[in-house]
Amino acid sequence: MLIHHSQQAQARRKASGWQQAVQIALQPLEALDYITSSYCQGVIENTLQWGPYYVIAPGVAMPHARPEQGARANSIAITTFETPVSFGHEDCDPVWLVIALSATDANAHLETIQRITTLLEDSDLLARLQQVTTDNELFQLISNPTLQEH
């Protein structure tokens, strides 16, 4: 399962910019103690230094920091934004789907990215994600057992 708790699914949030979008997207992971409070700051500092390295496809970002920046568990949180947010990525802005990632080591990081990439190749799923209006709908969609077959 990609997410284990309903609070890891946030639908139609509002953010005034990429930093706020990152904070909103990472909040469930911090609330569940999967990351420390410094992890979000790590993502922001890394972005300021290296640019939006985690914007992985048109409209999709997967913010993450290095394990030593505060990752406590391997997990994700999925957030959709009511109004897409600019992350400063020339080819993939604006972003409407943010998949916040916490990984405690490189192997877990790569495995999670591979699973997410497979799901993102499903254009029907992406269309359904864009239509979701509530946190519960998003959780039900993303925790659907058929998605685990990917």
C-alpha atoms as a PDB file:
ATOM      1  CA  MET A   1       0.000   0.000   0.000  1.00  0.00           C
ATOM      2  CA  LEU A   2       1.280   3.446  -0.879  1.00  0.00           C
ATOM      3  CA  ILE A   3      -0.359   5.159   2.069  1.00  0.00           C
ATOM      4  CA  HIS A   4      -1.484   3.692   5.368  1.00  0.00           C
ATOM      5  CA  HIS A   5      -3.476   6.494   7.004  1.00  0.00           C
ATOM      6  CA  SER A   6      -6.273   8.618   5.616  1.00  0.00           C
ATOM      7  CA  GLN A   7      -4.485  11.752   6.801  1.00  0.00           C
ATOM      8  CA  GLN A   8      -1.784  11.022   4.192  1.00  0.00           C
ATOM      9  CA  ALA A   9      -4.294  12.029   1.495  1.00  0.00           C
ATOM     10  CA  GLN A  10      -5.096  15.719   1.094  1.00  0.00           C
ATOM     11  CA  ALA A  11      -7.401  16.888  -1.692  1.00  0.00           C
ATOM     12  CA  ARG A  12      -7.808  20.339  -3.213  1.00  0.00           C
ATOM     13  CA  ARG A  13      -5.538  22.267  -0.882  1.00  0.00           C
ATOM     14  CA  LYS A  14      -4.581  25.890  -1.518  1.00  0.00           C
ATOM     15  CA  ALA A  15      -1.048  27.279  -1.569  1.00  0.00           C
ATOM     16  CA  SER A  16       0.260  30.704  -2.491  1.00  0.00           C
ATOM     17  CA  GLY A  17       3.621  29.381  -3.700  1.00  0.00           C
ATOM     18  CA  TRP A  18       5.910  26.371  -3.894  1.00  0.00           C
ATOM     19  CA  GLN A  19       7.277  26.717  -0.352  1.00  0.00           C
ATOM     20  CA  GLN A  20       3.793  26.671   1.136  1.00  0.00           C
ATOM     21  CA  ALA A  21       2.840  23.767  -1.156  1.00  0.00           C
ATOM     22  CA  VAL A  22       5.847  21.785   0.114  1.00  0.00           C
ATOM     23  CA  GLN A  23       4.931  22.558   3.731  1.00  0.00           C
ATOM     24  CA  ILE A  24       1.313  21.498   3.195  1.00  0.00           C
ATOM     25  CA  ALA A  25       2.325  18.309   1.381  1.00  0.00           C
ATOM     26  CA  LEU A  26       4.837  17.263   4.062  1.00  0.00           C
ATOM     27  CA  GLN A  27       2.597  18.096   7.043  1.00  0.00           C
ATOM     28  CA  PRO A  28       0.951  14.632   7.241  1.00  0.00           C
ATOM     29  CA  LEU A  29       4.350  12.920   7.348  1.00  0.00           C
ATOM     30  CA  GLU A  30       5.457  15.161  10.200  1.00  0.00           C
ATOM     31  CA  ALA A  31       2.155  14.664  12.051  1.00  0.00           C
ATOM     32  CA  LEU A  32       2.661  10.896  11.850  1.00  0.00           C
ATOM     33  CA  ASP A  33       6.278  11.305  13.034  1.00  0.00           C
ATOM     34  CA  TYR A  34       7.638   9.897   9.754  1.00  0.00           C
ATOM     35  CA  ILE A  35       9.829  12.995   9.385  1.00  0.00           C
ATOM     36  CA  THR A  36      11.285  15.557  11.769  1.00  0.00           C
ATOM     37  CA  SER A  37      10.365  19.226  11.640  1.00  0.00           C
ATOM     38  CA  SER A  38      13.720  19.929   9.970  1.00  0.00           C
ATOM     39  CA  TYR A  39      12.915  17.721   6.963  1.00  0.00           C
ATOM     40  CA  CYS A  40      10.648  20.313   5.348  1.00  0.00           C
ATOM     41  CA  GLN A  41      13.301  22.973   5.809  1.00  0.00           C
ATOM     42  CA  GLY A  42      15.761  20.574   4.170  1.00  0.00           C
ATOM     43  CA  VAL A  43      13.522  20.276   1.105  1.00  0.00           C
ATOM     44  CA  ILE A  44      13.188  24.065   0.885  1.00  0.00           C
ATOM     45  CA  GLU A  45      16.930  24.661   1.300  1.00  0.00           C
ATOM     46  CA  ASN A  46      17.739  21.967  -1.273  1.00  0.00           C
ATOM     47  CA  THR A  47      15.279  23.547  -3.719  1.00  0.00           C
ATOM     48  CA  LEU A  48      16.818  26.978  -3.264  1.00  0.00           C
ATOM     49  CA  GLN A  49      20.266  25.487  -3.898  1.00  0.00           C
ATOM     50  CA  TRP A  50      19.533  23.039  -6.744  1.00  0.00           C
ATOM     51  CA  GLY A  51      16.182  24.112  -8.146  1.00  0.00           C
ATOM     52  CA  PRO A  52      12.986  22.033  -8.252  1.00  0.00           C
ATOM     53  CA  TYR A  53      14.783  18.700  -8.754  1.00  0.00           C
ATOM     54  CA  TYR A  54      11.708  16.794  -7.643  1.00  0.00           C
ATOM     55  CA  VAL A  55       9.270  18.073 -10.280  1.00  0.00           C
ATOM     56  CA  ILE A  56       9.159  14.786 -12.166  1.00  0.00           C
ATOM     57  CA  ALA A  57       6.453  15.206 -14.811  1.00  0.00           C
ATOM     58  CA  PRO A  58       4.083  17.894 -16.074  1.00  0.00           C
ATOM     59  CA  GLY A  59       1.967  18.902 -13.088  1.00  0.00           C
ATOM     60  CA  VAL A  60       3.627  16.459 -10.681  1.00  0.00           C
ATOM     61  CA  ALA A  61       6.175  17.061  -7.912  1.00  0.00           C
ATOM     62  CA  MET A  62       7.696  14.594  -5.488  1.00  0.00           C
ATOM     63  CA  PRO A  63       9.497  16.694  -2.852  1.00  0.00           C
ATOM     64  CA  HIS A  64      12.010  14.866  -0.705  1.00  0.00           C
ATOM     65  CA  ALA A  65      15.223  15.517   1.152  1.00  0.00           C
ATOM     66  CA  ARG A  66      18.154  13.328   2.092  1.00  0.00           C
ATOM     67  CA  PRO A  67      17.516  10.713   4.798  1.00  0.00           C
ATOM     68  CA  GLU A  68      19.875  12.465   7.214  1.00  0.00           C
ATOM     69  CA  GLN A  69      17.825  15.657   6.888  1.00  0.00           C
ATOM     70  CA  GLY A  70      15.112  14.157   9.069  1.00  0.00           C
ATOM     71  CA  ALA A  71      13.554  11.045   7.513  1.00  0.00           C
ATOM     72  CA  ARG A  72      12.343   8.655  10.213  1.00  0.00           C
ATOM     73  CA  ALA A  73      10.276   6.226   8.122  1.00  0.00           C
ATOM     74  CA  ASN A  74       9.622   5.247   4.525  1.00  0.00           C
ATOM     75  CA  SER A  75       6.335   6.781   3.485  1.00  0.00           C
ATOM     76  CA  ILE A  76       4.513   9.190   1.218  1.00  0.00           C
ATOM     77  CA  ALA A  77       1.675  11.679   1.455  1.00  0.00           C
ATOM     78  CA  ILE A  78      -0.386  12.685  -1.560  1.00  0.00           C
ATOM     79  CA  THR A  79      -1.776  16.194  -1.982  1.00  0.00           C
ATOM     80  CA  THR A  80      -3.738  17.722  -4.834  1.00  0.00           C
ATOM     81  CA  PHE A  81      -4.000  21.482  -5.201  1.00  0.00           C
ATOM     82  CA  GLU A  82      -7.153  23.334  -6.185  1.00  0.00           C
ATOM     83  CA  THR A  83      -5.085  25.837  -8.154  1.00  0.00           C
ATOM     84  CA  PRO A  84      -1.818  24.526  -9.609  1.00  0.00           C
ATOM     85  CA  VAL A  85       1.363  26.017  -8.131  1.00  0.00           C
ATOM     86  CA  SER A  86       4.505  27.209  -9.922  1.00  0.00           C
ATOM     87  CA  PHE A  87       7.690  25.530  -8.695  1.00  0.00           C
ATOM     88  CA  GLY A  88       9.974  27.284 -11.178  1.00  0.00           C
ATOM     89  CA  HIS A  89      10.325  24.272 -13.472  1.00  0.00           C
ATOM     90  CA  GLU A  90      10.362  25.420 -17.085  1.00  0.00           C
ATOM     91  CA  ASP A  91       8.903  22.250 -18.582  1.00  0.00           C
ATOM     92  CA  CYS A  92       6.570  20.878 -15.904  1.00  0.00           C
ATOM     93  CA  ASP A  93       4.907  23.856 -14.193  1.00  0.00           C
ATOM     94  CA  PRO A  94       2.355  24.398 -12.835  1.00  0.00           C
ATOM     95  CA  VAL A  95       2.075  21.537 -10.339  1.00  0.00           C
ATOM     96  CA  TRP A  96      -1.309  20.198  -9.176  1.00  0.00           C
ATOM     97  CA  LEU A  97      -0.184  16.872  -7.633  1.00  0.00           C
ATOM     98  CA  VAL A  98       2.448  16.717  -4.892  1.00  0.00           C
ATOM     99  CA  ILE A  99       3.634  13.351  -3.628  1.00  0.00           C
ATOM    100  CA  ALA A 100       5.730  14.047  -0.537  1.00  0.00           C
ATOM    101  CA  LEU A 101       8.317  11.346   0.011  1.00  0.00           C
ATOM    102  CA  SER A 102      10.274  10.272   3.063  1.00  0.00           C
ATOM    103  CA  ALA A 103      12.898   7.554   2.689  1.00  0.00           C
ATOM    104  CA  THR A 104      15.391   6.394   5.283  1.00  0.00           C
ATOM    105  CA  ASP A 105      17.840   4.955   2.739  1.00  0.00           C
ATOM    106  CA  ALA A 106      18.604   4.973  -0.989  1.00  0.00           C
ATOM    107  CA  ASN A 107      17.069   1.547  -1.668  1.00  0.00           C
ATOM    108  CA  ALA A 108      13.732   2.493  -0.107  1.00  0.00           C
ATOM    109  CA  HIS A 109      13.849   5.786  -1.985  1.00  0.00           C
ATOM    110  CA  LEU A 110      14.350   4.108  -5.369  1.00  0.00           C
ATOM    111  CA  GLU A 111      11.737   1.421  -4.716  1.00  0.00           C
ATOM    112  CA  THR A 112       9.124   4.015  -3.779  1.00  0.00           C
ATOM    113  CA  ILE A 113       9.939   6.188  -6.786  1.00  0.00           C
ATOM    114  CA  GLN A 114       9.586   3.178  -9.093  1.00  0.00           C
ATOM    115  CA  ARG A 115       6.144   2.339  -7.668  1.00  0.00           C
ATOM    116  CA  ILE A 116       4.999   5.943  -7.969  1.00  0.00           C
ATOM    117  CA  THR A 117       6.339   6.244 -11.514  1.00  0.00           C
ATOM    118  CA  THR A 118       4.378   3.153 -12.532  1.00  0.00           C
ATOM    119  CA  LEU A 119       1.196   4.670 -11.127  1.00  0.00           C
ATOM    120  CA  LEU A 120       1.860   8.005 -12.847  1.00  0.00           C
ATOM    121  CA  GLU A 121       1.988   6.209 -16.190  1.00  0.00           C
ATOM    122  CA  ASP A 122      -1.720   5.424 -15.697  1.00  0.00           C
ATOM    123  CA  SER A 123      -3.431   8.355 -17.435  1.00  0.00           C
ATOM    124  CA  ASP A 124      -6.859   7.198 -16.222  1.00  0.00           C
ATOM    125  CA  LEU A 125      -5.665   7.294 -12.610  1.00  0.00           C
ATOM    126  CA  LEU A 126      -4.205  10.787 -13.081  1.00  0.00           C
ATOM    127  CA  ALA A 127      -7.504  11.993 -14.530  1.00  0.00           C
ATOM    128  CA  ARG A 128      -9.376  10.537 -11.562  1.00  0.00           C
ATOM    129  CA  LEU A 129      -6.912  12.124  -9.120  1.00  0.00           C
ATOM    130  CA  GLN A 130      -7.619  15.526 -10.672  1.00  0.00           C
ATOM    131  CA  GLN A 131     -11.361  15.051 -10.161  1.00  0.00           C
ATOM    132  CA  VAL A 132     -11.216  14.065  -6.485  1.00  0.00           C
ATOM    133  CA  THR A 133     -12.762  16.671  -4.177  1.00  0.00           C
ATOM    134  CA  THR A 134     -12.362  15.255  -0.660  1.00  0.00           C
ATOM    135  CA  ASP A 135      -9.545  13.764   1.382  1.00  0.00           C
ATOM    136  CA  ASN A 136     -11.542  10.557   1.834  1.00  0.00           C
ATOM    137  CA  GLU A 137     -12.133  10.177  -1.920  1.00  0.00           C
ATOM    138  CA  LEU A 138      -8.416  10.629  -2.526  1.00  0.00           C
ATOM    139  CA  PHE A 139      -7.526   8.093   0.162  1.00  0.00           C
ATOM    140  CA  GLN A 140     -10.014   5.550  -1.212  1.00  0.00           C
ATOM    141  CA  LEU A 141      -8.697   6.006  -4.744  1.00  0.00           C
ATOM    142  CA  ILE A 142      -5.016   5.745  -3.885  1.00  0.00           C
ATOM    143  CA  SER A 143      -5.452   2.884  -1.398  1.00  0.00           C
ATOM    144  CA  ASN A 144      -7.496   0.817  -3.863  1.00  0.00           C
ATOM    145  CA  PRO A 145      -6.118  -2.765  -3.778  1.00  0.00           C
ATOM    146  CA  THR A 146      -5.978  -2.914  -7.586  1.00  0.00           C
ATOM    147  CA  LEU A 147      -3.294  -0.226  -7.505  1.00  0.00           C
ATOM    148  CA  GLN A 148      -1.039  -2.548  -5.559  1.00  0.00           C
ATOM    149  CA  GLU A 149      -0.788  -4.801  -8.612  1.00  0.00           C
ATOM    150  CA  HIS A 150       1.230  -2.185 -10.530  1.00  0.00           C
END
